[in-house]
Amino acid sequence: MKVRIPTPLRSYTAGAANVMADGSTVREVLADLDRQYPGIRFRMVDEQDRVRQHMVVFLDEHRCRDLDASVATVGELVIMQALSGG
């Protein structure tokens, strides 16, 4: 499936904004991304195996925080990084 990578994580993907990854759930897609681009999953998922607070995952246009959500009918997984500061 197509995965959109946010600018801050493109150092892992050699600058690629769009990459392909396999899996039947969000968890499996992120694991495949990490196999292809070592270290990228840790930037998105914390030690408790949850999506980090500053990361947002969309399945097509629907926000998803459940790593076990199916991607069977999803065309695109979009990863976004929230900006913070003052």
PDB file of N, CA and C in Angstrom:
ATOM      1  N   MET A   1       0.837  -1.174   0.000  1.00  0.00           N
ATOM      2  CA  MET A   1       0.000   0.000   0.000  1.00  0.00           C
ATOM      3  C   MET A   1       0.883   1.239   0.000  1.00  0.00           C
ATOM      4  N   LYS A   2       0.334   2.327  -0.461  1.00  0.00           N
ATOM      5  CA  LYS A   2       1.055   3.590  -0.480  1.00  0.00           C
ATOM      6  C   LYS A   2       1.063   4.184   0.927  1.00  0.00           C
ATOM      7  N   VAL A   3       2.233   4.663   1.349  1.00  0.00           N
ATOM      8  CA  VAL A   3       2.381   5.307   2.650  1.00  0.00           C
ATOM      9  C   VAL A   3       3.004   6.677   2.419  1.00  0.00           C
ATOM     10  N   ARG A   4       2.349   7.726   2.910  1.00  0.00           N
ATOM     11  CA  ARG A   4       2.903   9.080   2.813  1.00  0.00           C
ATOM     12  C   ARG A   4       3.714   9.373   4.067  1.00  0.00           C
ATOM     13  N   ILE A   5       4.930   9.826   3.860  1.00  0.00           N
ATOM     14  CA  ILE A   5       5.884  10.075   4.943  1.00  0.00           C
ATOM     15  C   ILE A   5       6.000  11.582   5.178  1.00  0.00           C
ATOM     16  N   PRO A   6       5.903  12.038   6.440  1.00  0.00           N
ATOM     17  CA  PRO A   6       6.046  13.471   6.708  1.00  0.00           C
ATOM     18  C   PRO A   6       7.500  13.913   6.539  1.00  0.00           C
ATOM     19  N   THR A   7       7.684  15.161   6.238  1.00  0.00           N
ATOM     20  CA  THR A   7       9.021  15.710   5.991  1.00  0.00           C
ATOM     21  C   THR A   7      10.028  15.363   7.085  1.00  0.00           C
ATOM     22  N   PRO A   8       9.701  15.482   8.385  1.00  0.00           N
ATOM     23  CA  PRO A   8      10.706  15.179   9.412  1.00  0.00           C
ATOM     24  C   PRO A   8      11.196  13.725   9.417  1.00  0.00           C
ATOM     25  N   LEU A   9      10.449  12.802   8.818  1.00  0.00           N
ATOM     26  CA  LEU A   9      10.861  11.395   8.802  1.00  0.00           C
ATOM     27  C   LEU A   9      11.473  10.971   7.469  1.00  0.00           C
ATOM     28  N   ARG A  10      11.556  11.873   6.532  1.00  0.00           N
ATOM     29  CA  ARG A  10      12.077  11.515   5.207  1.00  0.00           C
ATOM     30  C   ARG A  10      13.570  11.235   5.199  1.00  0.00           C
ATOM     31  N   SER A  11      14.261  11.583   6.271  1.00  0.00           N
ATOM     32  CA  SER A  11      15.685  11.219   6.355  1.00  0.00           C
ATOM     33  C   SER A  11      15.835   9.703   6.406  1.00  0.00           C
ATOM     34  N   TYR A  12      14.804   9.005   6.877  1.00  0.00           N
ATOM     35  CA  TYR A  12      14.824   7.539   6.909  1.00  0.00           C
ATOM     36  C   TYR A  12      14.566   6.939   5.531  1.00  0.00           C
ATOM     37  N   THR A  13      13.843   7.661   4.683  1.00  0.00           N
ATOM     38  CA  THR A  13      13.426   7.132   3.383  1.00  0.00           C
ATOM     39  C   THR A  13      14.209   7.749   2.231  1.00  0.00           C
ATOM     40  N   ALA A  14      15.397   8.259   2.515  1.00  0.00           N
ATOM     41  CA  ALA A  14      16.240   8.904   1.496  1.00  0.00           C
ATOM     42  C   ALA A  14      15.482  10.026   0.785  1.00  0.00           C
ATOM     43  N   GLY A  15      14.640  10.722   1.539  1.00  0.00           N
ATOM     44  CA  GLY A  15      13.918  11.865   1.004  1.00  0.00           C
ATOM     45  C   GLY A  15      12.596  11.543   0.332  1.00  0.00           C
ATOM     46  N   ALA A  16      12.248  10.272   0.242  1.00  0.00           N
ATOM     47  CA  ALA A  16      11.000   9.893  -0.429  1.00  0.00           C
ATOM     48  C   ALA A  16       9.779  10.308   0.391  1.00  0.00           C
ATOM     49  N   ALA A  17       8.836  10.979  -0.258  1.00  0.00           N
ATOM     50  CA  ALA A  17       7.599  11.395   0.396  1.00  0.00           C
ATOM     51  C   ALA A  17       6.554  10.292   0.379  1.00  0.00           C
ATOM     52  N   ASN A  18       6.645   9.409  -0.609  1.00  0.00           N
ATOM     53  CA  ASN A  18       5.706   8.298  -0.752  1.00  0.00           C
ATOM     54  C   ASN A  18       6.496   7.012  -0.911  1.00  0.00           C
ATOM     55  N   VAL A  19       6.139   6.012  -0.123  1.00  0.00           N
ATOM     56  CA  VAL A  19       6.795   4.708  -0.199  1.00  0.00           C
ATOM     57  C   VAL A  19       5.710   3.633  -0.202  1.00  0.00           C
ATOM     58  N   MET A  20       6.106   2.417  -0.478  1.00  0.00           N
ATOM     59  CA  MET A  20       5.174   1.288  -0.463  1.00  0.00           C
ATOM     60  C   MET A  20       5.525   0.381   0.708  1.00  0.00           C
ATOM     61  N   ALA A  21       4.501  -0.167   1.354  1.00  0.00           N
ATOM     62  CA  ALA A  21       4.708  -1.112   2.452  1.00  0.00           C
ATOM     63  C   ALA A  21       3.568  -2.119   2.441  1.00  0.00           C
ATOM     64  N   ASP A  22       3.858  -3.316   2.925  1.00  0.00           N
ATOM     65  CA  ASP A  22       2.870  -4.392   2.956  1.00  0.00           C
ATOM     66  C   ASP A  22       2.377  -4.640   4.371  1.00  0.00           C
ATOM     67  N   GLY A  23       1.182  -5.184   4.478  1.00  0.00           N
ATOM     68  CA  GLY A  23       0.619  -5.579   5.759  1.00  0.00           C
ATOM     69  C   GLY A  23      -0.888  -5.558   5.698  1.00  0.00           C
ATOM     70  N   SER A  24      -1.507  -6.266   6.639  1.00  0.00           N
ATOM     71  CA  SER A  24      -2.972  -6.287   6.681  1.00  0.00           C
ATOM     72  C   SER A  24      -3.522  -5.401   7.795  1.00  0.00           C
ATOM     73  N   THR A  25      -2.638  -4.915   8.682  1.00  0.00           N
ATOM     74  CA  THR A  25      -3.025  -3.979   9.744  1.00  0.00           C
ATOM     75  C   THR A  25      -2.028  -2.825   9.761  1.00  0.00           C
ATOM     76  N   VAL A  26      -2.376  -1.766  10.468  1.00  0.00           N
ATOM     77  CA  VAL A  26      -1.452  -0.635  10.617  1.00  0.00           C
ATOM     78  C   VAL A  26      -0.146  -1.130  11.230  1.00  0.00           C
ATOM     79  N   ARG A  27      -0.223  -1.978  12.246  1.00  0.00           N
ATOM     80  CA  ARG A  27       0.962  -2.520  12.911  1.00  0.00           C
ATOM     81  C   ARG A  27       1.887  -3.219  11.907  1.00  0.00           C
ATOM     82  N   GLU A  28       1.305  -4.043  11.045  1.00  0.00           N
ATOM     83  CA  GLU A  28       2.104  -4.777  10.064  1.00  0.00           C
ATOM     84  C   GLU A  28       2.711  -3.849   9.016  1.00  0.00           C
ATOM     85  N   VAL A  29       1.968  -2.837   8.610  1.00  0.00           N
ATOM     86  CA  VAL A  29       2.499  -1.867   7.646  1.00  0.00           C
ATOM     87  C   VAL A  29       3.684  -1.122   8.260  1.00  0.00           C
ATOM     88  N   LEU A  30       3.550  -0.688   9.524  1.00  0.00           N
ATOM     89  CA  LEU A  30       4.654   0.011  10.182  1.00  0.00           C
ATOM     90  C   LEU A  30       5.850  -0.911  10.383  1.00  0.00           C
ATOM     91  N   ALA A  31       5.608  -2.182  10.666  1.00  0.00           N
ATOM     92  CA  ALA A  31       6.703  -3.148  10.802  1.00  0.00           C
ATOM     93  C   ALA A  31       7.426  -3.318   9.473  1.00  0.00           C
ATOM     94  N   ASP A  32       6.669  -3.369   8.372  1.00  0.00           N
ATOM     95  CA  ASP A  32       7.296  -3.485   7.056  1.00  0.00           C
ATOM     96  C   ASP A  32       8.093  -2.226   6.726  1.00  0.00           C
ATOM     97  N   LEU A  33       7.556  -1.064   7.083  1.00  0.00           N
ATOM     98  CA  LEU A  33       8.316   0.178   6.896  1.00  0.00           C
ATOM     99  C   LEU A  33       9.640   0.106   7.643  1.00  0.00           C
ATOM    100  N   ASP A  34       9.590  -0.409   8.874  1.00  0.00           N
ATOM    101  CA  ASP A  34      10.804  -0.487   9.689  1.00  0.00           C
ATOM    102  C   ASP A  34      11.805  -1.490   9.117  1.00  0.00           C
ATOM    103  N   ARG A  35      11.324  -2.533   8.473  1.00  0.00           N
ATOM    104  CA  ARG A  35      12.236  -3.475   7.809  1.00  0.00           C
ATOM    105  C   ARG A  35      12.956  -2.791   6.645  1.00  0.00           C
ATOM    106  N   GLN A  36      12.211  -1.956   5.932  1.00  0.00           N
ATOM    107  CA  GLN A  36      12.788  -1.261   4.782  1.00  0.00           C
ATOM    108  C   GLN A  36      13.623  -0.052   5.193  1.00  0.00           C
ATOM    109  N   TYR A  37      13.187   0.628   6.239  1.00  0.00           N
ATOM    110  CA  TYR A  37      13.809   1.882   6.694  1.00  0.00           C
ATOM    111  C   TYR A  37      14.039   1.782   8.200  1.00  0.00           C
ATOM    112  N   PRO A  38      15.093   1.081   8.614  1.00  0.00           N
ATOM    113  CA  PRO A  38      15.330   0.807  10.039  1.00  0.00           C
ATOM    114  C   PRO A  38      15.297   2.071  10.908  1.00  0.00           C
ATOM    115  N   GLY A  39      14.543   1.966  12.009  1.00  0.00           N
ATOM    116  CA  GLY A  39      14.449   3.052  12.978  1.00  0.00           C
ATOM    117  C   GLY A  39      13.226   3.934  12.822  1.00  0.00           C
ATOM    118  N   ILE A  40      12.555   3.872  11.673  1.00  0.00           N
ATOM    119  CA  ILE A  40      11.429   4.788  11.436  1.00  0.00           C
ATOM    120  C   ILE A  40      10.245   4.499  12.365  1.00  0.00           C
ATOM    121  N   ARG A  41       9.994   3.224  12.676  1.00  0.00           N
ATOM    122  CA  ARG A  41       8.848   2.867  13.520  1.00  0.00           C
ATOM    123  C   ARG A  41       8.976   3.471  14.919  1.00  0.00           C
ATOM    124  N   PHE A  42      10.182   3.471  15.469  1.00  0.00           N
ATOM    125  CA  PHE A  42      10.384   4.017  16.814  1.00  0.00           C
ATOM    126  C   PHE A  42      10.026   5.498  16.877  1.00  0.00           C
ATOM    127  N   ARG A  43      10.157   6.203  15.782  1.00  0.00           N
ATOM    128  CA  ARG A  43       9.783   7.619  15.750  1.00  0.00           C
ATOM    129  C   ARG A  43       8.270   7.804  15.760  1.00  0.00           C
ATOM    130  N   MET A  44       7.525   6.733  15.425  1.00  0.00           N
ATOM    131  CA  MET A  44       6.067   6.819  15.342  1.00  0.00           C
ATOM    132  C   MET A  44       5.343   6.110  16.477  1.00  0.00           C
ATOM    133  N   VAL A  45       5.973   5.068  17.038  1.00  0.00           N
ATOM    134  CA  VAL A  45       5.329   4.220  18.046  1.00  0.00           C
ATOM    135  C   VAL A  45       6.202   4.197  19.301  1.00  0.00           C
ATOM    136  N   ASP A  46       5.580   4.381  20.474  1.00  0.00           N
ATOM    137  CA  ASP A  46       6.347   4.444  21.722  1.00  0.00           C
ATOM    138  C   ASP A  46       6.624   3.058  22.308  1.00  0.00           C
ATOM    139  N   GLU A  47       7.260   3.039  23.469  1.00  0.00           N
ATOM    140  CA  GLU A  47       7.654   1.798  24.132  1.00  0.00           C
ATOM    141  C   GLU A  47       6.456   0.983  24.612  1.00  0.00           C
ATOM    142  N   GLN A  48       5.299   1.618  24.748  1.00  0.00           N
ATOM    143  CA  GLN A  48       4.076   0.919  25.146  1.00  0.00           C
ATOM    144  C   GLN A  48       3.295   0.435  23.921  1.00  0.00           C
ATOM    145  N   ASP A  49       3.913   0.519  22.763  1.00  0.00           N
ATOM    146  CA  ASP A  49       3.328   0.068  21.499  1.00  0.00           C
ATOM    147  C   ASP A  49       2.076   0.860  21.132  1.00  0.00           C
ATOM    148  N   ARG A  50       2.137   2.185  21.360  1.00  0.00           N
ATOM    149  CA  ARG A  50       1.052   3.093  20.991  1.00  0.00           C
ATOM    150  C   ARG A  50       1.607   4.165  20.066  1.00  0.00           C
ATOM    151  N   VAL A  51       0.744   4.684  19.204  1.00  0.00           N
ATOM    152  CA  VAL A  51       1.149   5.787  18.333  1.00  0.00           C
ATOM    153  C   VAL A  51       1.548   6.958  19.223  1.00  0.00           C
ATOM    154  N   ARG A  52       2.724   7.521  18.973  1.00  0.00           N
ATOM    155  CA  ARG A  52       3.202   8.649  19.789  1.00  0.00           C
ATOM    156  C   ARG A  52       2.218   9.815  19.702  1.00  0.00           C
ATOM    157  N   GLN A  53       2.148  10.592  20.799  1.00  0.00           N
ATOM    158  CA  GLN A  53       1.188  11.694  20.884  1.00  0.00           C
ATOM    159  C   GLN A  53       1.354  12.706  19.764  1.00  0.00           C
ATOM    160  N   HIS A  54       2.573  12.948  19.333  1.00  0.00           N
ATOM    161  CA  HIS A  54       2.813  13.967  18.310  1.00  0.00           C
ATOM    162  C   HIS A  54       2.691  13.423  16.885  1.00  0.00           C
ATOM    163  N   MET A  55       2.310  12.148  16.764  1.00  0.00           N
ATOM    164  CA  MET A  55       2.126  11.537  15.448  1.00  0.00           C
ATOM    165  C   MET A  55       0.637  11.277  15.212  1.00  0.00           C
ATOM    166  N   VAL A  56       0.228  11.397  13.975  1.00  0.00           N
ATOM    167  CA  VAL A  56      -1.154  11.119  13.597  1.00  0.00           C
ATOM    168  C   VAL A  56      -1.120  10.211  12.372  1.00  0.00           C
ATOM    169  N   VAL A  57      -1.925   9.161  12.414  1.00  0.00           N
ATOM    170  CA  VAL A  57      -2.026   8.233  11.289  1.00  0.00           C
ATOM    171  C   VAL A  57      -3.436   8.331  10.718  1.00  0.00           C
ATOM    172  N   PHE A  58      -3.511   8.481   9.405  1.00  0.00           N
ATOM    173  CA  PHE A  58      -4.792   8.483   8.710  1.00  0.00           C
ATOM    174  C   PHE A  58      -4.841   7.293   7.770  1.00  0.00           C
ATOM    175  N   LEU A  59      -5.972   6.623   7.752  1.00  0.00           N
ATOM    176  CA  LEU A  59      -6.251   5.581   6.770  1.00  0.00           C
ATOM    177  C   LEU A  59      -7.208   6.230   5.784  1.00  0.00           C
ATOM    178  N   ASP A  60      -6.678   6.527   4.598  1.00  0.00           N
ATOM    179  CA  ASP A  60      -7.361   7.415   3.664  1.00  0.00           C
ATOM    180  C   ASP A  60      -7.601   8.720   4.423  1.00  0.00           C
ATOM    181  N   GLU A  61      -8.838   9.154   4.624  1.00  0.00           N
ATOM    182  CA  GLU A  61      -9.044  10.426   5.334  1.00  0.00           C
ATOM    183  C   GLU A  61      -9.541  10.242   6.765  1.00  0.00           C
ATOM    184  N   HIS A  62      -9.456   9.017   7.289  1.00  0.00           N
ATOM    185  CA  HIS A  62      -9.954   8.727   8.638  1.00  0.00           C
ATOM    186  C   HIS A  62      -8.797   8.559   9.625  1.00  0.00           C
ATOM    187  N   ARG A  63      -8.816   9.369  10.694  1.00  0.00           N
ATOM    188  CA  ARG A  63      -7.772   9.276  11.715  1.00  0.00           C
ATOM    189  C   ARG A  63      -7.829   7.918  12.415  1.00  0.00           C
ATOM    190  N   CYS A  64      -6.659   7.365  12.714  1.00  0.00           N
ATOM    191  CA  CYS A  64      -6.588   6.039  13.326  1.00  0.00           C
ATOM    192  C   CYS A  64      -5.497   6.026  14.395  1.00  0.00           C
ATOM    193  N   ARG A  65      -5.833   5.552  15.601  1.00  0.00           N
ATOM    194  CA  ARG A  65      -4.836   5.371  16.649  1.00  0.00           C
ATOM    195  C   ARG A  65      -4.677   3.899  17.012  1.00  0.00           C
ATOM    196  N   ASP A  66      -5.456   3.044  16.376  1.00  0.00           N
ATOM    197  CA  ASP A  66      -5.448   1.614  16.662  1.00  0.00           C
ATOM    198  C   ASP A  66      -4.484   0.899  15.719  1.00  0.00           C
ATOM    199  N   LEU A  67      -3.385   0.409  16.263  1.00  0.00           N
ATOM    200  CA  LEU A  67      -2.389  -0.267  15.436  1.00  0.00           C
ATOM    201  C   LEU A  67      -2.913  -1.567  14.842  1.00  0.00           C
ATOM    202  N   ASP A  68      -3.967  -2.111  15.413  1.00  0.00           N
ATOM    203  CA  ASP A  68      -4.530  -3.358  14.896  1.00  0.00           C
ATOM    204  C   ASP A  68      -5.653  -3.127  13.881  1.00  0.00           C
ATOM    205  N   ALA A  69      -5.874  -1.884  13.502  1.00  0.00           N
ATOM    206  CA  ALA A  69      -6.903  -1.582  12.507  1.00  0.00           C
ATOM    207  C   ALA A  69      -6.523  -2.194  11.164  1.00  0.00           C
ATOM    208  N   SER A  70      -7.512  -2.750  10.502  1.00  0.00           N
ATOM    209  CA  SER A  70      -7.303  -3.360   9.190  1.00  0.00           C
ATOM    210  C   SER A  70      -7.061  -2.287   8.129  1.00  0.00           C
ATOM    211  N   VAL A  71      -6.184  -2.599   7.202  1.00  0.00           N
ATOM    212  CA  VAL A  71      -5.944  -1.708   6.069  1.00  0.00           C
ATOM    213  C   VAL A  71      -6.409  -2.365   4.767  1.00  0.00           C
ATOM    214  N   ALA A  72      -7.218  -3.412   4.886  1.00  0.00           N
ATOM    215  CA  ALA A  72      -7.650  -4.194   3.719  1.00  0.00           C
ATOM    216  C   ALA A  72      -8.348  -3.350   2.658  1.00  0.00           C
ATOM    217  N   THR A  73      -9.142  -2.376   3.074  1.00  0.00           N
ATOM    218  CA  THR A  73      -9.883  -1.563   2.103  1.00  0.00           C
ATOM    219  C   THR A  73      -9.321  -0.151   1.992  1.00  0.00           C
ATOM    220  N   VAL A  74      -8.121   0.057   2.500  1.00  0.00           N
ATOM    221  CA  VAL A  74      -7.504   1.384   2.539  1.00  0.00           C
ATOM    222  C   VAL A  74      -6.597   1.568   1.327  1.00  0.00           C
ATOM    223  N   GLY A  75      -6.691   2.724   0.708  1.00  0.00           N
ATOM    224  CA  GLY A  75      -5.834   3.014  -0.434  1.00  0.00           C
ATOM    225  C   GLY A  75      -4.510   3.632  -0.045  1.00  0.00           C
ATOM    226  N   GLU A  76      -4.511   4.367   1.073  1.00  0.00           N
ATOM    227  CA  GLU A  76      -3.309   5.107   1.457  1.00  0.00           C
ATOM    228  C   GLU A  76      -3.253   5.273   2.972  1.00  0.00           C
ATOM    229  N   LEU A  77      -2.092   5.051   3.536  1.00  0.00           N
ATOM    230  CA  LEU A  77      -1.837   5.325   4.946  1.00  0.00           C
ATOM    231  C   LEU A  77      -0.999   6.599   4.983  1.00  0.00           C
ATOM    232  N   VAL A  78      -1.491   7.593   5.692  1.00  0.00           N
ATOM    233  CA  VAL A  78      -0.820   8.892   5.757  1.00  0.00           C
ATOM    234  C   VAL A  78      -0.303   9.098   7.171  1.00  0.00           C
ATOM    235  N   ILE A  79       0.978   9.382   7.288  1.00  0.00           N
ATOM    236  CA  ILE A  79       1.596   9.666   8.581  1.00  0.00           C
ATOM    237  C   ILE A  79       1.828  11.167   8.644  1.00  0.00           C
ATOM    238  N   MET A  80       1.368  11.783   9.717  1.00  0.00           N
ATOM    239  CA  MET A  80       1.582  13.216   9.905  1.00  0.00           C
ATOM    240  C   MET A  80       2.207  13.437  11.269  1.00  0.00           C
ATOM    241  N   GLN A  81       3.023  14.466  11.351  1.00  0.00           N
ATOM    242  CA  GLN A  81       3.640  14.830  12.618  1.00  0.00           C
ATOM    243  C   GLN A  81       3.080  16.172  13.038  1.00  0.00           C
ATOM    244  N   ALA A  82       2.477  16.201  14.230  1.00  0.00           N
ATOM    245  CA  ALA A  82       1.910  17.440  14.750  1.00  0.00           C
ATOM    246  C   ALA A  82       3.027  18.405  15.118  1.00  0.00           C
ATOM    247  N   LEU A  83       2.786  19.667  14.886  1.00  0.00           N
ATOM    248  CA  LEU A  83       3.741  20.699  15.264  1.00  0.00           C
ATOM    249  C   LEU A  83       3.327  21.274  16.606  1.00  0.00           C
ATOM    250  N   SER A  84       4.307  21.596  17.426  1.00  0.00           N
ATOM    251  CA  SER A  84       4.002  22.203  18.717  1.00  0.00           C
ATOM    252  C   SER A  84       5.033  23.278  19.000  1.00  0.00           C
ATOM    253  N   GLY A  85       4.752  24.037  19.993  1.00  0.00           N
ATOM    254  CA  GLY A  85       5.676  25.105  20.356  1.00  0.00           C
ATOM    255  C   GLY A  85       4.906  26.383  20.604  1.00  0.00           C
ATOM    256  N   GLY A  86       5.643  27.423  20.859  1.00  0.00           N
ATOM    257  CA  GLY A  86       4.942  28.658  21.159  1.00  0.00           C
ATOM    258  C   GLY A  86       5.644  29.850  20.642  1.00  0.00           C
TER     259      GLY A  86
END
